[in-house]
N, C-alpha and C. Protein backbone atom coordinates (compact mmCIF):
# COMPACT_ATOMS: atom_id res chain seq x y z
N MET A 1 21.55 128.37 96.67
CA MET A 1 22.10 129.49 97.59
C MET A 1 23.23 128.55 97.98
N LYS A 2 24.43 129.11 97.97
CA LYS A 2 25.83 128.59 98.86
C LYS A 2 25.89 129.85 99.93
N ILE A 3 26.21 129.28 101.11
CA ILE A 3 26.45 130.03 102.39
C ILE A 3 27.50 129.29 103.15
N SER A 4 28.36 129.96 103.73
CA SER A 4 29.42 129.06 104.73
C SER A 4 28.70 128.76 106.03
N ALA A 5 27.71 129.33 106.19
CA ALA A 5 26.94 129.11 107.92
C ALA A 5 26.75 127.79 107.73
N ARG A 6 26.95 127.12 108.70
CA ARG A 6 26.21 125.65 108.74
C ARG A 6 25.08 125.61 109.09
N ASN A 7 24.38 126.69 109.89
CA ASN A 7 23.05 126.52 110.59
C ASN A 7 22.06 127.42 109.45
N SER A 8 21.40 126.59 108.68
CA SER A 8 20.68 127.23 107.65
C SER A 8 18.95 126.49 107.70
N LEU A 9 18.23 127.18 108.28
CA LEU A 9 16.84 126.68 108.50
C LEU A 9 15.94 127.20 107.48
N LYS A 10 15.15 126.45 106.60
CA LYS A 10 14.20 126.92 105.71
C LYS A 10 12.62 126.87 106.25
N GLY A 11 12.23 127.95 105.96
CA GLY A 11 10.72 127.97 106.57
C GLY A 11 10.09 129.09 105.92
N THR A 12 9.17 129.58 106.43
CA THR A 12 7.83 130.46 105.97
C THR A 12 7.92 131.93 106.65
N VAL A 13 7.94 132.82 106.22
CA VAL A 13 7.91 134.16 106.74
C VAL A 13 6.35 134.14 107.38
N LYS A 14 6.28 134.66 108.70
CA LYS A 14 5.01 134.51 109.44
C LYS A 14 4.54 135.66 109.65
N GLN A 15 5.49 136.64 110.03
CA GLN A 15 5.31 138.29 110.35
C GLN A 15 6.37 138.83 110.10
N ILE A 16 6.19 140.24 109.75
CA ILE A 16 7.13 141.23 109.40
C ILE A 16 6.75 142.38 110.06
N ILE A 17 7.76 143.14 110.99
CA ILE A 17 7.57 143.94 111.96
C ILE A 17 8.24 145.16 111.46
N PRO A 18 8.13 145.82 110.67
CA PRO A 18 9.17 147.26 110.05
C PRO A 18 9.17 148.23 111.10
N GLY A 19 10.35 148.66 111.43
CA GLY A 19 10.79 149.78 112.28
C GLY A 19 11.45 151.05 111.46
N ALA A 20 11.77 151.85 112.16
CA ALA A 20 12.43 153.20 111.62
C ALA A 20 13.79 152.72 110.81
N VAL A 21 14.46 151.98 111.63
CA VAL A 21 15.88 151.38 110.98
C VAL A 21 15.96 149.90 110.74
N ASN A 22 15.42 149.10 111.67
CA ASN A 22 15.30 147.68 111.62
C ASN A 22 13.95 146.89 111.17
N THR A 23 13.99 145.94 110.82
CA THR A 23 12.99 145.11 110.43
C THR A 23 12.82 143.77 111.34
N GLU A 24 11.91 143.46 112.19
CA GLU A 24 12.00 142.26 112.75
C GLU A 24 10.96 141.16 111.85
N VAL A 25 11.59 139.92 111.81
CA VAL A 25 11.02 138.86 110.91
C VAL A 25 10.97 137.60 111.58
N VAL A 26 9.78 137.01 111.45
CA VAL A 26 9.61 135.96 112.17
C VAL A 26 9.22 134.91 111.00
N ILE A 27 10.21 133.77 111.33
CA ILE A 27 10.13 132.59 110.39
C ILE A 27 9.69 131.45 111.07
N GLU A 28 8.72 130.83 110.37
CA GLU A 28 8.28 129.51 111.16
C GLU A 28 9.03 128.49 110.16
N VAL A 29 9.82 127.57 111.08
CA VAL A 29 10.66 126.64 110.54
C VAL A 29 10.35 125.15 110.53
N ALA A 30 9.33 124.86 111.54
CA ALA A 30 8.33 123.83 111.80
C ALA A 30 6.92 124.40 112.37
N PRO A 31 6.17 123.09 112.43
CA PRO A 31 4.86 123.79 113.03
C PRO A 31 5.29 124.11 114.34
N ASP A 32 4.53 125.46 114.72
CA ASP A 32 4.80 125.83 116.13
C ASP A 32 6.27 126.50 116.76
N VAL A 33 7.16 126.29 115.70
CA VAL A 33 8.76 126.42 115.90
C VAL A 33 9.03 127.82 115.12
N GLU A 34 9.15 128.95 115.73
CA GLU A 34 9.52 130.08 115.17
C GLU A 34 10.94 130.63 115.48
N ILE A 35 11.58 131.15 114.54
CA ILE A 35 12.82 132.12 114.61
C ILE A 35 12.85 133.69 114.39
N VAL A 36 13.06 134.35 115.22
CA VAL A 36 12.89 135.83 115.08
C VAL A 36 14.21 136.49 114.75
N GLY A 37 14.37 137.06 113.74
CA GLY A 37 15.72 137.73 113.35
C GLY A 37 15.45 139.39 113.20
N VAL A 38 16.38 140.14 113.53
CA VAL A 38 16.46 141.40 113.09
C VAL A 38 17.33 142.09 112.18
N ILE A 39 16.89 142.55 111.21
CA ILE A 39 17.63 142.81 109.70
C ILE A 39 17.33 144.38 109.72
N THR A 40 18.37 144.96 108.86
CA THR A 40 18.03 146.29 108.47
C THR A 40 16.98 146.56 107.56
N LYS A 41 16.18 147.62 107.69
CA LYS A 41 15.11 147.85 106.99
C LYS A 41 15.58 147.60 105.41
N SER A 42 16.42 148.31 104.92
CA SER A 42 17.00 148.13 103.70
C SER A 42 17.43 146.71 102.96
N SER A 43 17.54 145.85 104.16
CA SER A 43 17.75 144.44 103.66
C SER A 43 16.54 143.83 103.55
N ALA A 44 15.49 144.18 104.44
CA ALA A 44 14.25 143.58 104.46
C ALA A 44 13.58 144.00 103.05
N GLU A 45 13.75 145.13 102.66
CA GLU A 45 13.09 145.74 101.08
C GLU A 45 14.01 145.01 100.01
N ALA A 46 15.13 144.81 100.30
CA ALA A 46 16.03 144.20 98.90
C ALA A 46 15.68 142.79 98.80
N LEU A 47 15.36 141.97 99.90
CA LEU A 47 14.82 140.59 100.00
C LEU A 47 13.48 140.35 99.49
N ALA A 48 12.70 141.53 99.68
CA ALA A 48 11.21 141.60 99.07
C ALA A 48 10.52 140.56 99.83
N LEU A 49 10.84 140.87 101.18
CA LEU A 49 10.20 139.84 102.15
C LEU A 49 8.44 140.08 102.15
N GLU A 50 7.75 139.14 102.28
CA GLU A 50 6.49 138.93 102.57
C GLU A 50 5.76 137.98 103.18
N VAL A 51 4.87 138.11 104.01
CA VAL A 51 4.06 136.80 104.81
C VAL A 51 3.94 135.93 104.08
N GLY A 52 4.27 134.67 104.18
CA GLY A 52 3.96 133.40 103.28
C GLY A 52 5.17 133.04 102.44
N LYS A 53 6.03 133.86 102.45
CA LYS A 53 7.14 133.67 101.32
C LYS A 53 8.23 132.73 102.29
N GLU A 54 8.77 132.10 101.36
CA GLU A 54 9.84 131.03 101.63
C GLU A 54 11.10 131.68 102.18
N ALA A 55 11.61 131.58 103.14
CA ALA A 55 13.01 132.17 103.55
C ALA A 55 13.86 131.17 104.19
N TYR A 56 15.00 131.61 104.68
CA TYR A 56 16.08 131.00 105.48
C TYR A 56 16.38 131.73 106.42
N ALA A 57 16.27 131.04 107.72
CA ALA A 57 16.93 131.79 108.98
C ALA A 57 18.33 130.76 108.91
N VAL A 58 19.49 131.90 108.74
CA VAL A 58 20.71 131.50 109.04
C VAL A 58 21.28 132.11 110.24
N ILE A 59 21.91 130.87 111.00
CA ILE A 59 22.25 131.44 112.31
C ILE A 59 23.90 131.22 112.31
N LYS A 60 24.60 132.32 112.51
CA LYS A 60 25.96 132.05 112.45
C LYS A 60 26.68 132.93 113.79
N SER A 61 26.99 132.07 114.74
CA SER A 61 27.22 132.80 116.07
C SER A 61 28.47 131.65 116.73
N SER A 62 29.33 132.60 117.21
CA SER A 62 30.53 131.88 117.92
C SER A 62 30.20 131.56 119.41
N ASP A 63 29.15 132.15 119.94
CA ASP A 63 28.30 131.81 121.29
C ASP A 63 27.14 131.53 121.55
N VAL A 64 26.72 130.84 122.12
CA VAL A 64 25.31 130.43 122.53
C VAL A 64 25.42 130.48 123.96
N MET A 65 24.44 131.33 124.49
CA MET A 65 24.38 131.21 125.99
C MET A 65 23.17 130.62 126.34
N VAL A 66 23.05 129.95 127.68
CA VAL A 66 21.83 128.94 127.96
C VAL A 66 22.01 129.56 129.70
N ALA A 67 20.78 129.90 130.05
CA ALA A 67 20.56 130.39 131.56
C ALA A 67 19.31 129.78 132.15
N VAL A 68 19.57 129.41 133.58
CA VAL A 68 18.13 129.11 134.27
C VAL A 68 18.08 129.76 135.38
N GLU A 69 17.03 129.58 136.26
CA GLU A 69 16.72 130.33 137.52
C GLU A 69 17.55 129.34 138.53
């Protein structure tokens, strides 16, 4: 796989929560470290996602916000 995004984390699909339009995908990238992504339902189907399958969390963002109380 070649991709221009610099932040690509390999992990294992832990949970898939399908919705009417979007699907929430939980990827464990390290023990007890999970990243949740929301993709279209059709993309989830095209990727043939299954719990236990290897997948990449690819993060491409121009902004990261951090807040505290």
